């Protein structure tokens, strides 16, 4: 499943970055992704509500959940959020077959 993973660094992580500004977090994230049988496409530090976004393919949500458990347990990252890419054509095709009526219709 293709996924967009966003998260925030904690104060502990920022202290680590200041201590070792050359720390290659992309390599670490790529290693975690590979350990779960996935592929990391990109990782960017972003401005806004999240500190970073990772574009990846992971075999399942359970694999992402395993990564989340390990990373958040380290105390360096929090608020990991996943957005799963979907096939919108498949979703609309299935939706068109559902006989739903809104209240009052």
C-alpha atoms as a PDB file:
ATOM      1  CA  UNK A   1       0.000   0.000   0.000  1.00  0.00           C
ATOM      2  CA  UNK A   2       1.300   3.430  -0.867  1.00  0.00           C
ATOM      3  CA  UNK A   3       1.305   5.688   2.157  1.00  0.00           C
ATOM      4  CA  UNK A   4       2.109   9.228   3.165  1.00  0.00           C
ATOM      5  CA  UNK A   5       3.429   9.270   6.729  1.00  0.00           C
ATOM      6  CA  UNK A   6       3.697  12.509   8.661  1.00  0.00           C
ATOM      7  CA  UNK A   7       4.995  13.141  12.137  1.00  0.00           C
ATOM      8  CA  UNK A   8       6.620  15.455  14.607  1.00  0.00           C
ATOM      9  CA  UNK A   9      10.011  15.381  16.251  1.00  0.00           C
ATOM     10  CA  UNK A  10      10.142  15.735  20.029  1.00  0.00           C
ATOM     11  CA  UNK A  11      12.454  17.951  22.062  1.00  0.00           C
ATOM     12  CA  UNK A  12      14.599  14.829  22.592  1.00  0.00           C
ATOM     13  CA  UNK A  13      15.043  14.490  18.819  1.00  0.00           C
ATOM     14  CA  UNK A  14      15.894  18.164  18.361  1.00  0.00           C
ATOM     15  CA  UNK A  15      18.541  17.841  21.089  1.00  0.00           C
ATOM     16  CA  UNK A  16      19.970  14.896  19.161  1.00  0.00           C
ATOM     17  CA  UNK A  17      20.047  16.916  15.929  1.00  0.00           C
ATOM     18  CA  UNK A  18      21.935  19.719  17.677  1.00  0.00           C
ATOM     19  CA  UNK A  19      24.418  17.228  19.128  1.00  0.00           C
ATOM     20  CA  UNK A  20      24.922  15.509  15.744  1.00  0.00           C
ATOM     21  CA  UNK A  21      23.655  17.689  12.869  1.00  0.00           C
ATOM     22  CA  UNK A  22      24.943  15.201  10.279  1.00  0.00           C
ATOM     23  CA  UNK A  23      22.658  12.388  11.485  1.00  0.00           C
ATOM     24  CA  UNK A  24      21.097  10.854   8.361  1.00  0.00           C
ATOM     25  CA  UNK A  25      17.480  10.241   9.359  1.00  0.00           C
ATOM     26  CA  UNK A  26      16.487   9.332   5.800  1.00  0.00           C
ATOM     27  CA  UNK A  27      18.804   6.314   5.936  1.00  0.00           C
ATOM     28  CA  UNK A  28      17.276   5.232   9.255  1.00  0.00           C
ATOM     29  CA  UNK A  29      13.713   5.559   7.911  1.00  0.00           C
ATOM     30  CA  UNK A  30      14.685   3.658   4.766  1.00  0.00           C
ATOM     31  CA  UNK A  31      16.155   0.887   6.935  1.00  0.00           C
ATOM     32  CA  UNK A  32      12.953   0.645   9.016  1.00  0.00           C
ATOM     33  CA  UNK A  33      10.832   0.527   5.881  1.00  0.00           C
ATOM     34  CA  UNK A  34      12.965  -2.218   4.323  1.00  0.00           C
ATOM     35  CA  UNK A  35      12.791  -4.223   7.563  1.00  0.00           C
ATOM     36  CA  UNK A  36       9.011  -4.346   7.097  1.00  0.00           C
ATOM     37  CA  UNK A  37       9.309  -5.347   3.434  1.00  0.00           C
ATOM     38  CA  UNK A  38       8.565  -1.860   2.129  1.00  0.00           C
ATOM     39  CA  UNK A  39      10.187   0.822  -0.003  1.00  0.00           C
ATOM     40  CA  UNK A  40      10.783   4.444   0.942  1.00  0.00           C
ATOM     41  CA  UNK A  41      10.356   6.826  -1.997  1.00  0.00           C
ATOM     42  CA  UNK A  42      11.161  10.102  -0.291  1.00  0.00           C
ATOM     43  CA  UNK A  43      11.438  11.908   3.021  1.00  0.00           C
ATOM     44  CA  UNK A  44      11.236  15.657   3.425  1.00  0.00           C
ATOM     45  CA  UNK A  45      11.374  18.049   6.336  1.00  0.00           C
ATOM     46  CA  UNK A  46       8.353  20.324   5.941  1.00  0.00           C
ATOM     47  CA  UNK A  47       6.983  23.526   7.355  1.00  0.00           C
ATOM     48  CA  UNK A  48       3.556  23.418   8.984  1.00  0.00           C
ATOM     49  CA  UNK A  49       1.715  21.160  11.405  1.00  0.00           C
ATOM     50  CA  UNK A  50       4.140  18.297  10.830  1.00  0.00           C
ATOM     51  CA  UNK A  51       7.940  18.249  10.848  1.00  0.00           C
ATOM     52  CA  UNK A  52       8.406  15.591   8.164  1.00  0.00           C
ATOM     53  CA  UNK A  53       6.598  13.575   5.515  1.00  0.00           C
ATOM     54  CA  UNK A  54       7.631  10.204   4.143  1.00  0.00           C
ATOM     55  CA  UNK A  55       6.274   8.663   0.948  1.00  0.00           C
ATOM     56  CA  UNK A  56       6.519   4.902   1.123  1.00  0.00           C
ATOM     57  CA  UNK A  57       5.104   1.579   0.073  1.00  0.00           C
ATOM     58  CA  UNK A  58       4.536  -0.869   2.921  1.00  0.00           C
ATOM     59  CA  UNK A  59       2.903  -4.277   2.618  1.00  0.00           C
ATOM     60  CA  UNK A  60       0.105  -3.539   5.100  1.00  0.00           C
ATOM     61  CA  UNK A  61      -1.188  -1.201   7.784  1.00  0.00           C
ATOM     62  CA  UNK A  62       0.128  -3.676  10.380  1.00  0.00           C
ATOM     63  CA  UNK A  63       3.656  -3.104   9.053  1.00  0.00           C
ATOM     64  CA  UNK A  64       3.213   0.651   9.453  1.00  0.00           C
ATOM     65  CA  UNK A  65       1.848   0.083  12.962  1.00  0.00           C
ATOM     66  CA  UNK A  66       4.988  -1.895  13.867  1.00  0.00           C
ATOM     67  CA  UNK A  67       7.177   0.980  12.666  1.00  0.00           C
ATOM     68  CA  UNK A  68       5.017   3.448  14.605  1.00  0.00           C
ATOM     69  CA  UNK A  69       5.375   1.432  17.818  1.00  0.00           C
ATOM     70  CA  UNK A  70       9.167   1.262  17.548  1.00  0.00           C
ATOM     71  CA  UNK A  71       9.697   4.886  16.542  1.00  0.00           C
ATOM     72  CA  UNK A  72       7.288   6.491  19.012  1.00  0.00           C
ATOM     73  CA  UNK A  73       8.581   4.247  21.827  1.00  0.00           C
ATOM     74  CA  UNK A  74      12.041   5.762  21.240  1.00  0.00           C
ATOM     75  CA  UNK A  75      10.737   9.129  22.408  1.00  0.00           C
ATOM     76  CA  UNK A  76      12.161  10.916  19.351  1.00  0.00           C
ATOM     77  CA  UNK A  77       8.983  11.088  17.280  1.00  0.00           C
ATOM     78  CA  UNK A  78       5.320  11.618  18.078  1.00  0.00           C
ATOM     79  CA  UNK A  79       2.047  12.083  16.265  1.00  0.00           C
ATOM     80  CA  UNK A  80       2.838   9.669  13.429  1.00  0.00           C
ATOM     81  CA  UNK A  81      -0.074   9.889  11.035  1.00  0.00           C
ATOM     82  CA  UNK A  82      -0.636   7.782   7.948  1.00  0.00           C
ATOM     83  CA  UNK A  83      -2.604   8.633   4.845  1.00  0.00           C
ATOM     84  CA  UNK A  84      -3.176   5.594   2.652  1.00  0.00           C
ATOM     85  CA  UNK A  85      -3.404   6.221  -1.080  1.00  0.00           C
ATOM     86  CA  UNK A  86      -6.548   4.703  -2.592  1.00  0.00           C
ATOM     87  CA  UNK A  87      -7.770   3.887  -6.066  1.00  0.00           C
ATOM     88  CA  UNK A  88     -10.554   6.469  -6.343  1.00  0.00           C
ATOM     89  CA  UNK A  89     -12.006   4.837  -9.486  1.00  0.00           C
ATOM     90  CA  UNK A  90     -12.527   1.574  -7.595  1.00  0.00           C
ATOM     91  CA  UNK A  91     -14.084   3.407  -4.660  1.00  0.00           C
ATOM     92  CA  UNK A  92     -16.523   5.362  -6.831  1.00  0.00           C
ATOM     93  CA  UNK A  93     -17.394   2.253  -8.823  1.00  0.00           C
ATOM     94  CA  UNK A  94     -18.309   0.425  -5.612  1.00  0.00           C
ATOM     95  CA  UNK A  95     -20.125   3.473  -4.225  1.00  0.00           C
ATOM     96  CA  UNK A  96     -22.279   3.745  -7.352  1.00  0.00           C
ATOM     97  CA  UNK A  97     -23.709   0.292  -6.564  1.00  0.00           C
ATOM     98  CA  UNK A  98     -24.802   1.163  -3.030  1.00  0.00           C
ATOM     99  CA  UNK A  99     -28.442   2.155  -2.691  1.00  0.00           C
ATOM    100  CA  UNK A 100     -28.074   4.865  -0.073  1.00  0.00           C
ATOM    101  CA  UNK A 101     -30.632   7.613   0.516  1.00  0.00           C
ATOM    102  CA  UNK A 102     -29.960  10.602   2.731  1.00  0.00           C
ATOM    103  CA  UNK A 103     -32.461  11.446   5.489  1.00  0.00           C
ATOM    104  CA  UNK A 104     -35.600  13.024   4.034  1.00  0.00           C
ATOM    105  CA  UNK A 105     -35.112  11.685   0.502  1.00  0.00           C
END
